[in-house]
Amino acid sequence: MVSYANDIGVLFTQQDVLCMSDFGVLLDDYGYMSDPAAGNGFADHGNARQVHYRLTPAAGNRRMPDGGPYWSDCQIALYQQWMDDGFQP
């Protein structure tokens, strides 16, 4: 299983964390990222799903990190697997 501590949190650089904290997005906070009650336009786990949406090139976004280097397709797939595995700590 993919975990936030071992697999996902480590993908965010300090620049990512600092930049997104200005927008109230706490990339380095598992509780925030895995909050099942967060909406953000999604039915559940909206914080995590919003970040995934921002990373996904198919959505025409890929806006994080600001200016790149952007996440690889493998990193995005790993993030998707974390969500599919139930947002494991």
PDB file of N, CA and C in Angstrom:
ATOM      1  N   MET A   1       0.836  -1.192   0.000  1.00  0.00           N
ATOM      2  CA  MET A   1       0.000   0.000   0.000  1.00  0.00           C
ATOM      3  C   MET A   1       0.874   1.246   0.000  1.00  0.00           C
ATOM      4  N   VAL A   2       0.376   2.240  -0.683  1.00  0.00           N
ATOM      5  CA  VAL A   2       1.069   3.519  -0.748  1.00  0.00           C
ATOM      6  C   VAL A   2       0.701   4.324   0.494  1.00  0.00           C
ATOM      7  N   SER A   3       1.704   4.900   1.148  1.00  0.00           N
ATOM      8  CA  SER A   3       1.443   5.697   2.345  1.00  0.00           C
ATOM      9  C   SER A   3       1.874   7.147   2.133  1.00  0.00           C
ATOM     10  N   TYR A   4       1.227   8.038   2.866  1.00  0.00           N
ATOM     11  CA  TYR A   4       1.575   9.456   2.768  1.00  0.00           C
ATOM     12  C   TYR A   4       2.991   9.707   3.277  1.00  0.00           C
ATOM     13  N   ALA A   5       3.312   9.140   4.427  1.00  0.00           N
ATOM     14  CA  ALA A   5       4.614   9.399   5.048  1.00  0.00           C
ATOM     15  C   ALA A   5       5.777   8.890   4.204  1.00  0.00           C
ATOM     16  N   ASN A   6       5.636   7.702   3.654  1.00  0.00           N
ATOM     17  CA  ASN A   6       6.753   7.087   2.935  1.00  0.00           C
ATOM     18  C   ASN A   6       6.793   7.391   1.449  1.00  0.00           C
ATOM     19  N   ASP A   7       5.635   7.650   0.850  1.00  0.00           N
ATOM     20  CA  ASP A   7       5.589   7.734  -0.603  1.00  0.00           C
ATOM     21  C   ASP A   7       5.117   9.077  -1.167  1.00  0.00           C
ATOM     22  N   ILE A   8       4.191   9.727  -0.509  1.00  0.00           N
ATOM     23  CA  ILE A   8       3.577  10.930  -1.081  1.00  0.00           C
ATOM     24  C   ILE A   8       4.162  12.217  -0.502  1.00  0.00           C
ATOM     25  N   GLY A   9       4.193  12.327   0.805  1.00  0.00           N
ATOM     26  CA  GLY A   9       4.701  13.551   1.423  1.00  0.00           C
ATOM     27  C   GLY A   9       6.111  13.904   0.982  1.00  0.00           C
ATOM     28  N   VAL A  10       6.908  12.893   0.715  1.00  0.00           N
ATOM     29  CA  VAL A  10       8.302  13.117   0.303  1.00  0.00           C
ATOM     30  C   VAL A  10       8.409  13.664  -1.119  1.00  0.00           C
ATOM     31  N   LEU A  11       7.343  13.597  -1.892  1.00  0.00           N
ATOM     32  CA  LEU A  11       7.369  14.127  -3.259  1.00  0.00           C
ATOM     33  C   LEU A  11       7.259  15.646  -3.295  1.00  0.00           C
ATOM     34  N   PHE A  12       6.705  16.222  -2.241  1.00  0.00           N
ATOM     35  CA  PHE A  12       6.554  17.671  -2.190  1.00  0.00           C
ATOM     36  C   PHE A  12       7.855  18.303  -1.709  1.00  0.00           C
ATOM     37  N   THR A  13       8.375  19.245  -2.482  1.00  0.00           N
ATOM     38  CA  THR A  13       9.585  19.949  -2.086  1.00  0.00           C
ATOM     39  C   THR A  13       9.242  21.017  -1.053  1.00  0.00           C
ATOM     40  N   GLN A  14      10.259  21.532  -0.412  1.00  0.00           N
ATOM     41  CA  GLN A  14      10.032  22.621   0.544  1.00  0.00           C
ATOM     42  C   GLN A  14       9.430  23.818  -0.177  1.00  0.00           C
ATOM     43  N   GLN A  15       9.842  24.050  -1.411  1.00  0.00           N
ATOM     44  CA  GLN A  15       9.270  25.140  -2.210  1.00  0.00           C
ATOM     45  C   GLN A  15       7.785  24.911  -2.443  1.00  0.00           C
ATOM     46  N   ASP A  16       7.404  23.675  -2.753  1.00  0.00           N
ATOM     47  CA  ASP A  16       5.983  23.349  -2.941  1.00  0.00           C
ATOM     48  C   ASP A  16       5.199  23.671  -1.674  1.00  0.00           C
ATOM     49  N   VAL A  17       5.727  23.197  -0.542  1.00  0.00           N
ATOM     50  CA  VAL A  17       5.046  23.376   0.744  1.00  0.00           C
ATOM     51  C   VAL A  17       4.884  24.858   1.065  1.00  0.00           C
ATOM     52  N   LEU A  18       5.949  25.636   0.909  1.00  0.00           N
ATOM     53  CA  LEU A  18       5.892  27.060   1.220  1.00  0.00           C
ATOM     54  C   LEU A  18       4.958  27.804   0.278  1.00  0.00           C
ATOM     55  N   CYS A  19       5.059  27.508  -0.993  1.00  0.00           N
ATOM     56  CA  CYS A  19       4.229  28.185  -1.991  1.00  0.00           C
ATOM     57  C   CYS A  19       2.751  27.911  -1.742  1.00  0.00           C
ATOM     58  N   MET A  20       2.406  26.660  -1.551  1.00  0.00           N
ATOM     59  CA  MET A  20       0.994  26.307  -1.398  1.00  0.00           C
ATOM     60  C   MET A  20       0.429  26.715  -0.037  1.00  0.00           C
ATOM     61  N   SER A  21       1.293  26.837   0.977  1.00  0.00           N
ATOM     62  CA  SER A  21       0.793  27.277   2.285  1.00  0.00           C
ATOM     63  C   SER A  21       0.255  28.703   2.206  1.00  0.00           C
ATOM     64  N   ASP A  22       0.774  29.497   1.265  1.00  0.00           N
ATOM     65  CA  ASP A  22       0.251  30.850   1.058  1.00  0.00           C
ATOM     66  C   ASP A  22      -1.209  30.830   0.625  1.00  0.00           C
ATOM     67  N   PHE A  23      -1.643  29.709   0.061  1.00  0.00           N
ATOM     68  CA  PHE A  23      -3.027  29.547  -0.388  1.00  0.00           C
ATOM     69  C   PHE A  23      -3.854  28.715   0.590  1.00  0.00           C
ATOM     70  N   GLY A  24      -3.264  28.410   1.748  1.00  0.00           N
ATOM     71  CA  GLY A  24      -3.965  27.626   2.749  1.00  0.00           C
ATOM     72  C   GLY A  24      -3.945  26.133   2.501  1.00  0.00           C
ATOM     73  N   VAL A  25      -3.102  25.681   1.578  1.00  0.00           N
ATOM     74  CA  VAL A  25      -2.972  24.257   1.261  1.00  0.00           C
ATOM     75  C   VAL A  25      -1.770  23.718   2.016  1.00  0.00           C
ATOM     76  N   LEU A  26      -1.999  22.776   2.911  1.00  0.00           N
ATOM     77  CA  LEU A  26      -0.955  22.269   3.798  1.00  0.00           C
ATOM     78  C   LEU A  26      -0.435  20.920   3.296  1.00  0.00           C
ATOM     79  N   LEU A  27       0.439  20.974   2.314  1.00  0.00           N
ATOM     80  CA  LEU A  27       0.944  19.758   1.677  1.00  0.00           C
ATOM     81  C   LEU A  27       1.699  18.847   2.630  1.00  0.00           C
ATOM     82  N   ASP A  28       2.268  19.401   3.676  1.00  0.00           N
ATOM     83  CA  ASP A  28       3.073  18.615   4.610  1.00  0.00           C
ATOM     84  C   ASP A  28       2.278  18.155   5.836  1.00  0.00           C
ATOM     85  N   ASP A  29       0.967  18.288   5.786  1.00  0.00           N
ATOM     86  CA  ASP A  29       0.110  17.929   6.911  1.00  0.00           C
ATOM     87  C   ASP A  29      -0.823  16.795   6.498  1.00  0.00           C
ATOM     88  N   TYR A  30      -0.514  15.580   6.945  1.00  0.00           N
ATOM     89  CA  TYR A  30      -1.330  14.419   6.582  1.00  0.00           C
ATOM     90  C   TYR A  30      -2.790  14.607   6.960  1.00  0.00           C
ATOM     91  N   GLY A  31      -3.046  15.157   8.141  1.00  0.00           N
ATOM     92  CA  GLY A  31      -4.421  15.372   8.584  1.00  0.00           C
ATOM     93  C   GLY A  31      -5.200  16.250   7.622  1.00  0.00           C
ATOM     94  N   TYR A  32      -4.570  17.298   7.150  1.00  0.00           N
ATOM     95  CA  TYR A  32      -5.199  18.192   6.178  1.00  0.00           C
ATOM     96  C   TYR A  32      -5.408  17.473   4.850  1.00  0.00           C
ATOM     97  N   MET A  33      -4.363  16.829   4.374  1.00  0.00           N
ATOM     98  CA  MET A  33      -4.415  16.190   3.054  1.00  0.00           C
ATOM     99  C   MET A  33      -5.405  15.033   3.009  1.00  0.00           C
ATOM    100  N   SER A  34      -5.593  14.343   4.112  1.00  0.00           N
ATOM    101  CA  SER A  34      -6.446  13.154   4.111  1.00  0.00           C
ATOM    102  C   SER A  34      -7.824  13.398   4.723  1.00  0.00           C
ATOM    103  N   ASP A  35      -8.169  14.633   4.987  1.00  0.00           N
ATOM    104  CA  ASP A  35      -9.441  14.960   5.637  1.00  0.00           C
ATOM    105  C   ASP A  35     -10.622  14.499   4.780  1.00  0.00           C
ATOM    106  N   PRO A  36     -11.378  13.498   5.253  1.00  0.00           N
ATOM    107  CA  PRO A  36     -12.490  12.985   4.454  1.00  0.00           C
ATOM    108  C   PRO A  36     -13.640  13.977   4.317  1.00  0.00           C
ATOM    109  N   ALA A  37     -13.716  14.958   5.218  1.00  0.00           N
ATOM    110  CA  ALA A  37     -14.815  15.916   5.187  1.00  0.00           C
ATOM    111  C   ALA A  37     -14.528  17.123   4.294  1.00  0.00           C
ATOM    112  N   ALA A  38     -13.299  17.252   3.838  1.00  0.00           N
ATOM    113  CA  ALA A  38     -12.953  18.399   2.995  1.00  0.00           C
ATOM    114  C   ALA A  38     -13.673  18.289   1.655  1.00  0.00           C
ATOM    115  N   GLY A  39     -14.250  19.375   1.217  1.00  0.00           N
ATOM    116  CA  GLY A  39     -15.014  19.380  -0.020  1.00  0.00           C
ATOM    117  C   GLY A  39     -14.224  19.843  -1.225  1.00  0.00           C
ATOM    118  N   ASN A  40     -13.984  21.147  -1.322  1.00  0.00           N
ATOM    119  CA  ASN A  40     -13.259  21.729  -2.453  1.00  0.00           C
ATOM    120  C   ASN A  40     -13.830  21.295  -3.796  1.00  0.00           C
ATOM    121  N   GLY A  41     -15.137  21.099  -3.861  1.00  0.00           N
ATOM    122  CA  GLY A  41     -15.758  20.703  -5.112  1.00  0.00           C
ATOM    123  C   GLY A  41     -15.767  19.203  -5.367  1.00  0.00           C
ATOM    124  N   PHE A  42     -15.305  18.424  -4.397  1.00  0.00           N
ATOM    125  CA  PHE A  42     -15.273  16.973  -4.514  1.00  0.00           C
ATOM    126  C   PHE A  42     -16.166  16.381  -3.428  1.00  0.00           C
ATOM    127  N   ALA A  43     -16.621  15.158  -3.651  1.00  0.00           N
ATOM    128  CA  ALA A  43     -17.541  14.527  -2.700  1.00  0.00           C
ATOM    129  C   ALA A  43     -16.876  14.215  -1.363  1.00  0.00           C
ATOM    130  N   ASP A  44     -15.603  13.866  -1.376  1.00  0.00           N
ATOM    131  CA  ASP A  44     -14.875  13.539  -0.149  1.00  0.00           C
ATOM    132  C   ASP A  44     -13.380  13.752  -0.381  1.00  0.00           C
ATOM    133  N   HIS A  45     -12.648  13.848   0.696  1.00  0.00           N
ATOM    134  CA  HIS A  45     -11.185  14.023   0.628  1.00  0.00           C
ATOM    135  C   HIS A  45     -10.787  15.121  -0.363  1.00  0.00           C
ATOM    136  N   GLY A  46     -11.532  16.211  -0.299  1.00  0.00           N
ATOM    137  CA  GLY A  46     -11.353  17.286  -1.268  1.00  0.00           C
ATOM    138  C   GLY A  46      -9.981  17.917  -1.303  1.00  0.00           C
ATOM    139  N   ASN A  47      -9.293  17.984  -0.169  1.00  0.00           N
ATOM    140  CA  ASN A  47      -7.955  18.584  -0.181  1.00  0.00           C
ATOM    141  C   ASN A  47      -7.009  17.754  -1.030  1.00  0.00           C
ATOM    142  N   ALA A  48      -6.985  16.463  -0.791  1.00  0.00           N
ATOM    143  CA  ALA A  48      -6.109  15.578  -1.562  1.00  0.00           C
ATOM    144  C   ALA A  48      -6.522  15.541  -3.028  1.00  0.00           C
ATOM    145  N   ARG A  49      -7.813  15.473  -3.278  1.00  0.00           N
ATOM    146  CA  ARG A  49      -8.298  15.389  -4.659  1.00  0.00           C
ATOM    147  C   ARG A  49      -8.035  16.683  -5.432  1.00  0.00           C
ATOM    148  N   GLN A  50      -8.116  17.816  -4.753  1.00  0.00           N
ATOM    149  CA  GLN A  50      -7.817  19.099  -5.399  1.00  0.00           C
ATOM    150  C   GLN A  50      -6.346  19.163  -5.796  1.00  0.00           C
ATOM    151  N   VAL A  51      -5.460  18.710  -4.925  1.00  0.00           N
ATOM    152  CA  VAL A  51      -4.030  18.685  -5.255  1.00  0.00           C
ATOM    153  C   VAL A  51      -3.807  17.767  -6.453  1.00  0.00           C
ATOM    154  N   HIS A  52      -4.423  16.594  -6.435  1.00  0.00           N
ATOM    155  CA  HIS A  52      -4.286  15.671  -7.570  1.00  0.00           C
ATOM    156  C   HIS A  52      -4.764  16.328  -8.865  1.00  0.00           C
ATOM    157  N   TYR A  53      -5.879  17.006  -8.796  1.00  0.00           N
ATOM    158  CA  TYR A  53      -6.414  17.704  -9.969  1.00  0.00           C
ATOM    159  C   TYR A  53      -5.405  18.715 -10.503  1.00  0.00           C
ATOM    160  N   ARG A  54      -4.758  19.425  -9.606  1.00  0.00           N
ATOM    161  CA  ARG A  54      -3.771  20.439 -10.011  1.00  0.00           C
ATOM    162  C   ARG A  54      -2.524  19.815 -10.624  1.00  0.00           C
ATOM    163  N   LEU A  55      -2.244  18.584 -10.280  1.00  0.00           N
ATOM    164  CA  LEU A  55      -1.059  17.900 -10.794  1.00  0.00           C
ATOM    165  C   LEU A  55      -1.304  17.199 -12.123  1.00  0.00           C
ATOM    166  N   THR A  56      -2.552  16.929 -12.446  1.00  0.00           N
ATOM    167  CA  THR A  56      -2.885  16.076 -13.574  1.00  0.00           C
ATOM    168  C   THR A  56      -2.848  16.833 -14.899  1.00  0.00           C
ATOM    169  N   PRO A  57      -1.975  16.420 -15.808  1.00  0.00           N
ATOM    170  CA  PRO A  57      -1.873  17.110 -17.099  1.00  0.00           C
ATOM    171  C   PRO A  57      -3.125  16.942 -17.953  1.00  0.00           C
ATOM    172  N   ALA A  58      -3.850  15.852 -17.792  1.00  0.00           N
ATOM    173  CA  ALA A  58      -5.056  15.627 -18.583  1.00  0.00           C
ATOM    174  C   ALA A  58      -6.107  16.693 -18.304  1.00  0.00           C
ATOM    175  N   ALA A  59      -6.074  17.242 -17.111  1.00  0.00           N
ATOM    176  CA  ALA A  59      -7.021  18.292 -16.748  1.00  0.00           C
ATOM    177  C   ALA A  59      -6.562  19.655 -17.280  1.00  0.00           C
ATOM    178  N   GLY A  60      -5.402  19.683 -17.941  1.00  0.00           N
ATOM    179  CA  GLY A  60      -4.878  20.923 -18.488  1.00  0.00           C
ATOM    180  C   GLY A  60      -4.285  21.830 -17.439  1.00  0.00           C
ATOM    181  N   ASN A  61      -3.993  21.280 -16.270  1.00  0.00           N
ATOM    182  CA  ASN A  61      -3.497  22.091 -15.170  1.00  0.00           C
ATOM    183  C   ASN A  61      -1.991  22.013 -15.049  1.00  0.00           C
ATOM    184  N   ARG A  62      -1.565  20.993 -14.364  1.00  0.00           N
ATOM    185  CA  ARG A  62      -0.153  20.796 -14.056  1.00  0.00           C
ATOM    186  C   ARG A  62       0.479  22.098 -13.560  1.00  0.00           C
ATOM    187  N   ARG A  63      -0.189  22.734 -12.635  1.00  0.00           N
ATOM    188  CA  ARG A  63       0.258  24.030 -12.140  1.00  0.00           C
ATOM    189  C   ARG A  63       1.103  23.938 -10.881  1.00  0.00           C
ATOM    190  N   MET A  64       1.337  22.776 -10.408  1.00  0.00           N
ATOM    191  CA  MET A  64       2.138  22.662  -9.203  1.00  0.00           C
ATOM    192  C   MET A  64       3.257  21.682  -9.465  1.00  0.00           C
ATOM    193  N   PRO A  65       4.474  21.945  -9.163  1.00  0.00           N
ATOM    194  CA  PRO A  65       4.929  23.201  -8.573  1.00  0.00           C
ATOM    195  C   PRO A  65       4.933  24.343  -9.589  1.00  0.00           C
ATOM    196  N   ASP A  66       4.852  25.537  -9.071  1.00  0.00           N
ATOM    197  CA  ASP A  66       4.793  26.726  -9.905  1.00  0.00           C
ATOM    198  C   ASP A  66       6.055  26.821 -10.752  1.00  0.00           C
ATOM    199  N   GLY A  67       5.902  26.685 -12.045  1.00  0.00           N
ATOM    200  CA  GLY A  67       7.039  26.810 -12.945  1.00  0.00           C
ATOM    201  C   GLY A  67       7.821  25.538 -13.149  1.00  0.00           C
ATOM    202  N   GLY A  68       7.428  24.449 -12.509  1.00  0.00           N
ATOM    203  CA  GLY A  68       8.092  23.164 -12.706  1.00  0.00           C
ATOM    204  C   GLY A  68       9.361  23.044 -11.895  1.00  0.00           C
ATOM    205  N   PRO A  69      10.073  21.937 -11.966  1.00  0.00           N
ATOM    206  CA  PRO A  69       9.746  20.808 -12.836  1.00  0.00           C
ATOM    207  C   PRO A  69       8.466  20.127 -12.373  1.00  0.00           C
ATOM    208  N   TYR A  70       7.665  19.730 -13.330  1.00  0.00           N
ATOM    209  CA  TYR A  70       6.383  19.118 -13.021  1.00  0.00           C
ATOM    210  C   TYR A  70       6.548  17.662 -12.628  1.00  0.00           C
ATOM    211  N   TRP A  71       5.552  17.145 -11.956  1.00  0.00           N
ATOM    212  CA  TRP A  71       5.575  15.744 -11.562  1.00  0.00           C
ATOM    213  C   TRP A  71       5.503  14.860 -12.799  1.00  0.00           C
ATOM    214  N   SER A  72       6.180  13.744 -12.729  1.00  0.00           N
ATOM    215  CA  SER A  72       6.146  12.772 -13.814  1.00  0.00           C
ATOM    216  C   SER A  72       4.814  12.012 -13.782  1.00  0.00           C
ATOM    217  N   ASP A  73       4.520  11.330 -14.875  1.00  0.00           N
ATOM    218  CA  ASP A  73       3.314  10.510 -14.913  1.00  0.00           C
ATOM    219  C   ASP A  73       3.360   9.432 -13.837  1.00  0.00           C
ATOM    220  N   CYS A  74       4.558   8.902 -13.554  1.00  0.00           N
ATOM    221  CA  CYS A  74       4.705   7.871 -12.510  1.00  0.00           C
ATOM    222  C   CYS A  74       4.393   8.441 -11.129  1.00  0.00           C
ATOM    223  N   GLN A  75       4.827   9.663 -10.862  1.00  0.00           N
ATOM    224  CA  GLN A  75       4.539  10.291  -9.571  1.00  0.00           C
ATOM    225  C   GLN A  75       3.045  10.563  -9.429  1.00  0.00           C
ATOM    226  N   ILE A  76       2.415  11.004 -10.500  1.00  0.00           N
ATOM    227  CA  ILE A  76       0.978  11.259 -10.470  1.00  0.00           C
ATOM    228  C   ILE A  76       0.223   9.954 -10.262  1.00  0.00           C
ATOM    229  N   ALA A  77       0.686   8.885 -10.911  1.00  0.00           N
ATOM    230  CA  ALA A  77       0.055   7.567 -10.737  1.00  0.00           C
ATOM    231  C   ALA A  77       0.217   7.072  -9.306  1.00  0.00           C
ATOM    232  N   LEU A  78       1.365   7.335  -8.695  1.00  0.00           N
ATOM    233  CA  LEU A  78       1.592   6.949  -7.305  1.00  0.00           C
ATOM    234  C   LEU A  78       0.623   7.696  -6.388  1.00  0.00           C
ATOM    235  N   TYR A  79       0.444   8.977  -6.634  1.00  0.00           N
ATOM    236  CA  TYR A  79      -0.511   9.778  -5.862  1.00  0.00           C
ATOM    237  C   TYR A  79      -1.921   9.212  -6.028  1.00  0.00           C
ATOM    238  N   GLN A  80      -2.291   8.865  -7.252  1.00  0.00           N
ATOM    239  CA  GLN A  80      -3.602   8.260  -7.507  1.00  0.00           C
ATOM    240  C   GLN A  80      -3.741   6.950  -6.734  1.00  0.00           C
ATOM    241  N   GLN A  81      -2.665   6.174  -6.701  1.00  0.00           N
ATOM    242  CA  GLN A  81      -2.700   4.900  -5.975  1.00  0.00           C
ATOM    243  C   GLN A  81      -2.893   5.139  -4.482  1.00  0.00           C
ATOM    244  N   TRP A  82      -2.264   6.196  -3.958  1.00  0.00           N
ATOM    245  CA  TRP A  82      -2.452   6.550  -2.544  1.00  0.00           C
ATOM    246  C   TRP A  82      -3.933   6.818  -2.274  1.00  0.00           C
ATOM    247  N   MET A  83      -4.572   7.569  -3.153  1.00  0.00           N
ATOM    248  CA  MET A  83      -6.001   7.826  -2.974  1.00  0.00           C
ATOM    249  C   MET A  83      -6.802   6.532  -3.091  1.00  0.00           C
ATOM    250  N   ASP A  84      -6.481   5.729  -4.103  1.00  0.00           N
ATOM    251  CA  ASP A  84      -7.197   4.466  -4.305  1.00  0.00           C
ATOM    252  C   ASP A  84      -7.024   3.515  -3.130  1.00  0.00           C
ATOM    253  N   ASP A  85      -5.864   3.563  -2.474  1.00  0.00           N
ATOM    254  CA  ASP A  85      -5.581   2.702  -1.323  1.00  0.00           C
ATOM    255  C   ASP A  85      -6.245   3.205  -0.043  1.00  0.00           C
ATOM    256  N   GLY A  86      -6.943   4.327  -0.108  1.00  0.00           N
ATOM    257  CA  GLY A  86      -7.682   4.807   1.053  1.00  0.00           C
ATOM    258  C   GLY A  86      -6.961   5.853   1.868  1.00  0.00           C
ATOM    259  N   PHE A  87      -6.040   6.617   1.227  1.00  0.00           N
ATOM    260  CA  PHE A  87      -5.379   7.740   1.894  1.00  0.00           C
ATOM    261  C   PHE A  87      -4.624   7.283   3.149  1.00  0.00           C
ATOM    262  N   GLN A  88      -3.822   6.260   3.000  1.00  0.00           N
ATOM    263  CA  GLN A  88      -3.077   5.679   4.127  1.00  0.00           C
ATOM    264  C   GLN A  88      -2.044   6.663   4.687  1.00  0.00           C
ATOM    265  N   PRO A  89      -1.882   6.647   6.011  1.00  0.00           N
ATOM    266  CA  PRO A  89      -0.900   7.551   6.621  1.00  0.00           C
ATOM    267  C   PRO A  89       0.515   7.162   6.249  1.00  0.00           C
TER     268      PRO A  89
END
